[in-house]
């Protein structure tokens, strides 16, 4: 199974989606996003990986996801089953999704 690849100018589409959530509901949102990925998203053509991060202050959840192409990502957005799962997350939080390219990485 493919895994998350962080490499400059990799030929894939990277989604960074930041959810803002009430801290009392952060865990619920994490579970919804994790469940949607396990049940639906990972089976869509072009899916590579999804990584769900919870902020330590409880106010944010970040989804760092990768797709084989922008078309594959858009097909997921257009899929009614995927949209159903996304609406569950949207009911709990505001969100700000953007597609990125990796421009540089640094290691010690």
C-alpha atoms as a PDB file:
ATOM      1  CA  UNK A   1       0.000   0.000   0.000  1.00  0.00           C
ATOM      2  CA  UNK A   2       1.359   3.467  -0.841  1.00  0.00           C
ATOM      3  CA  UNK A   3       2.332   5.695   2.050  1.00  0.00           C
ATOM      4  CA  UNK A   4       2.611   9.406   2.641  1.00  0.00           C
ATOM      5  CA  UNK A   5       5.387  10.880   0.531  1.00  0.00           C
ATOM      6  CA  UNK A   6       6.773  14.277   1.322  1.00  0.00           C
ATOM      7  CA  UNK A   7       9.152  15.218  -1.445  1.00  0.00           C
ATOM      8  CA  UNK A   8       9.617  18.457  -3.343  1.00  0.00           C
ATOM      9  CA  UNK A   9       7.635  18.571  -6.569  1.00  0.00           C
ATOM     10  CA  UNK A  10       6.289  15.016  -6.214  1.00  0.00           C
ATOM     11  CA  UNK A  11       3.746  14.206  -8.884  1.00  0.00           C
ATOM     12  CA  UNK A  12       0.770  13.987  -6.584  1.00  0.00           C
ATOM     13  CA  UNK A  13      -1.867  16.242  -5.083  1.00  0.00           C
ATOM     14  CA  UNK A  14      -1.543  17.223  -1.428  1.00  0.00           C
ATOM     15  CA  UNK A  15      -4.586  18.430   0.486  1.00  0.00           C
ATOM     16  CA  UNK A  16      -4.185  20.311   3.748  1.00  0.00           C
ATOM     17  CA  UNK A  17      -7.549  20.849   5.405  1.00  0.00           C
ATOM     18  CA  UNK A  18      -7.658  22.706   8.721  1.00  0.00           C
ATOM     19  CA  UNK A  19     -10.827  22.222  10.769  1.00  0.00           C
ATOM     20  CA  UNK A  20     -11.663  24.619  13.586  1.00  0.00           C
ATOM     21  CA  UNK A  21     -13.698  22.884  16.262  1.00  0.00           C
ATOM     22  CA  UNK A  22     -14.999  23.365  19.801  1.00  0.00           C
ATOM     23  CA  UNK A  23     -12.463  21.586  22.024  1.00  0.00           C
ATOM     24  CA  UNK A  24     -15.267  19.526  23.573  1.00  0.00           C
ATOM     25  CA  UNK A  25     -15.940  18.025  20.116  1.00  0.00           C
ATOM     26  CA  UNK A  26     -12.392  17.600  18.825  1.00  0.00           C
ATOM     27  CA  UNK A  27     -12.253  13.864  19.608  1.00  0.00           C
ATOM     28  CA  UNK A  28     -15.612  13.328  17.871  1.00  0.00           C
ATOM     29  CA  UNK A  29     -14.327  15.101  14.760  1.00  0.00           C
ATOM     30  CA  UNK A  30     -11.129  13.015  14.750  1.00  0.00           C
ATOM     31  CA  UNK A  31     -13.250   9.857  14.946  1.00  0.00           C
ATOM     32  CA  UNK A  32     -15.516  11.013  12.093  1.00  0.00           C
ATOM     33  CA  UNK A  33     -12.554  11.817   9.828  1.00  0.00           C
ATOM     34  CA  UNK A  34     -10.761   8.598  10.733  1.00  0.00           C
ATOM     35  CA  UNK A  35     -13.906   6.537  10.177  1.00  0.00           C
ATOM     36  CA  UNK A  36     -14.651   8.194   6.840  1.00  0.00           C
ATOM     37  CA  UNK A  37     -11.106   7.455   5.692  1.00  0.00           C
ATOM     38  CA  UNK A  38     -11.253   3.830   6.823  1.00  0.00           C
ATOM     39  CA  UNK A  39     -14.740   3.153   5.427  1.00  0.00           C
ATOM     40  CA  UNK A  40     -14.831   5.189   2.222  1.00  0.00           C
ATOM     41  CA  UNK A  41     -12.000   7.513   1.207  1.00  0.00           C
ATOM     42  CA  UNK A  42      -9.171   4.980   1.096  1.00  0.00           C
ATOM     43  CA  UNK A  43     -11.124   2.915  -1.438  1.00  0.00           C
ATOM     44  CA  UNK A  44     -11.476   5.730  -3.947  1.00  0.00           C
ATOM     45  CA  UNK A  45      -9.270   5.599  -7.010  1.00  0.00           C
ATOM     46  CA  UNK A  46      -6.213   7.785  -6.619  1.00  0.00           C
ATOM     47  CA  UNK A  47      -6.191   7.790  -2.813  1.00  0.00           C
ATOM     48  CA  UNK A  48      -2.649   7.598  -1.427  1.00  0.00           C
ATOM     49  CA  UNK A  49      -2.828   8.548   2.239  1.00  0.00           C
ATOM     50  CA  UNK A  50      -4.549  10.567   4.923  1.00  0.00           C
ATOM     51  CA  UNK A  51      -3.038  11.764   8.170  1.00  0.00           C
ATOM     52  CA  UNK A  52      -5.279  13.210  10.859  1.00  0.00           C
ATOM     53  CA  UNK A  53      -3.659  15.552  13.405  1.00  0.00           C
ATOM     54  CA  UNK A  54      -5.296  16.974  16.562  1.00  0.00           C
ATOM     55  CA  UNK A  55      -3.967  20.219  18.026  1.00  0.00           C
ATOM     56  CA  UNK A  56      -2.899  20.035  21.632  1.00  0.00           C
ATOM     57  CA  UNK A  57      -5.157  22.979  22.550  1.00  0.00           C
ATOM     58  CA  UNK A  58      -8.199  21.097  21.208  1.00  0.00           C
ATOM     59  CA  UNK A  59      -9.306  23.787  18.745  1.00  0.00           C
ATOM     60  CA  UNK A  60      -8.041  22.353  15.454  1.00  0.00           C
ATOM     61  CA  UNK A  61      -7.918  19.120  13.493  1.00  0.00           C
ATOM     62  CA  UNK A  62      -5.728  18.934  10.421  1.00  0.00           C
ATOM     63  CA  UNK A  63      -6.112  16.452   7.580  1.00  0.00           C
ATOM     64  CA  UNK A  64      -2.975  16.058   5.455  1.00  0.00           C
ATOM     65  CA  UNK A  65      -4.091  13.864   2.564  1.00  0.00           C
ATOM     66  CA  UNK A  66      -2.530  12.853  -0.720  1.00  0.00           C
ATOM     67  CA  UNK A  67      -4.140  11.869  -4.007  1.00  0.00           C
ATOM     68  CA  UNK A  68      -2.538  10.665  -7.218  1.00  0.00           C
ATOM     69  CA  UNK A  69      -3.851  13.726  -9.097  1.00  0.00           C
ATOM     70  CA  UNK A  70      -6.100  16.743  -8.835  1.00  0.00           C
ATOM     71  CA  UNK A  71      -8.652  14.850 -10.958  1.00  0.00           C
ATOM     72  CA  UNK A  72      -8.701  11.967  -8.446  1.00  0.00           C
ATOM     73  CA  UNK A  73      -9.163  14.433  -5.591  1.00  0.00           C
ATOM     74  CA  UNK A  74     -11.984  16.187  -7.462  1.00  0.00           C
ATOM     75  CA  UNK A  75     -13.679  12.848  -8.218  1.00  0.00           C
ATOM     76  CA  UNK A  76     -13.711  12.137  -4.488  1.00  0.00           C
ATOM     77  CA  UNK A  77     -15.272  15.546  -3.813  1.00  0.00           C
ATOM     78  CA  UNK A  78     -17.967  14.809  -6.411  1.00  0.00           C
ATOM     79  CA  UNK A  79     -18.747  11.326  -5.026  1.00  0.00           C
ATOM     80  CA  UNK A  80     -22.095  11.336  -3.140  1.00  0.00           C
ATOM     81  CA  UNK A  81     -20.894   8.783  -0.570  1.00  0.00           C
ATOM     82  CA  UNK A  82     -17.817  10.871   0.177  1.00  0.00           C
ATOM     83  CA  UNK A  83     -19.895  14.032   0.380  1.00  0.00           C
ATOM     84  CA  UNK A  84     -22.133  12.370   2.966  1.00  0.00           C
ATOM     85  CA  UNK A  85     -19.134  11.687   5.203  1.00  0.00           C
ATOM     86  CA  UNK A  86     -17.742  15.176   4.648  1.00  0.00           C
ATOM     87  CA  UNK A  87     -21.066  16.705   5.705  1.00  0.00           C
ATOM     88  CA  UNK A  88     -20.755  14.922   9.085  1.00  0.00           C
ATOM     89  CA  UNK A  89     -17.445  16.686   9.683  1.00  0.00           C
ATOM     90  CA  UNK A  90     -18.831  19.991   8.417  1.00  0.00           C
ATOM     91  CA  UNK A  91     -21.640  19.773  10.973  1.00  0.00           C
ATOM     92  CA  UNK A  92     -19.047  19.850  13.774  1.00  0.00           C
ATOM     93  CA  UNK A  93     -16.486  22.348  12.531  1.00  0.00           C
ATOM     94  CA  UNK A  94     -15.582  25.013  10.048  1.00  0.00           C
ATOM     95  CA  UNK A  95     -12.900  23.988   7.585  1.00  0.00           C
ATOM     96  CA  UNK A  96     -10.418  25.529   5.182  1.00  0.00           C
ATOM     97  CA  UNK A  97      -9.152  23.064   2.548  1.00  0.00           C
ATOM     98  CA  UNK A  98      -6.394  23.904   0.060  1.00  0.00           C
ATOM     99  CA  UNK A  99      -4.315  21.892  -2.397  1.00  0.00           C
ATOM    100  CA  UNK A 100      -0.549  22.356  -2.117  1.00  0.00           C
ATOM    101  CA  UNK A 101       2.723  21.420  -3.729  1.00  0.00           C
ATOM    102  CA  UNK A 102       5.690  20.542  -1.550  1.00  0.00           C
ATOM    103  CA  UNK A 103       8.363  23.116  -2.327  1.00  0.00           C
ATOM    104  CA  UNK A 104      11.105  22.081   0.069  1.00  0.00           C
ATOM    105  CA  UNK A 105      11.852  19.776   2.959  1.00  0.00           C
ATOM    106  CA  UNK A 106      14.590  19.963   5.578  1.00  0.00           C
ATOM    107  CA  UNK A 107      16.088  17.387   7.940  1.00  0.00           C
ATOM    108  CA  UNK A 108      18.836  17.446  10.533  1.00  0.00           C
END
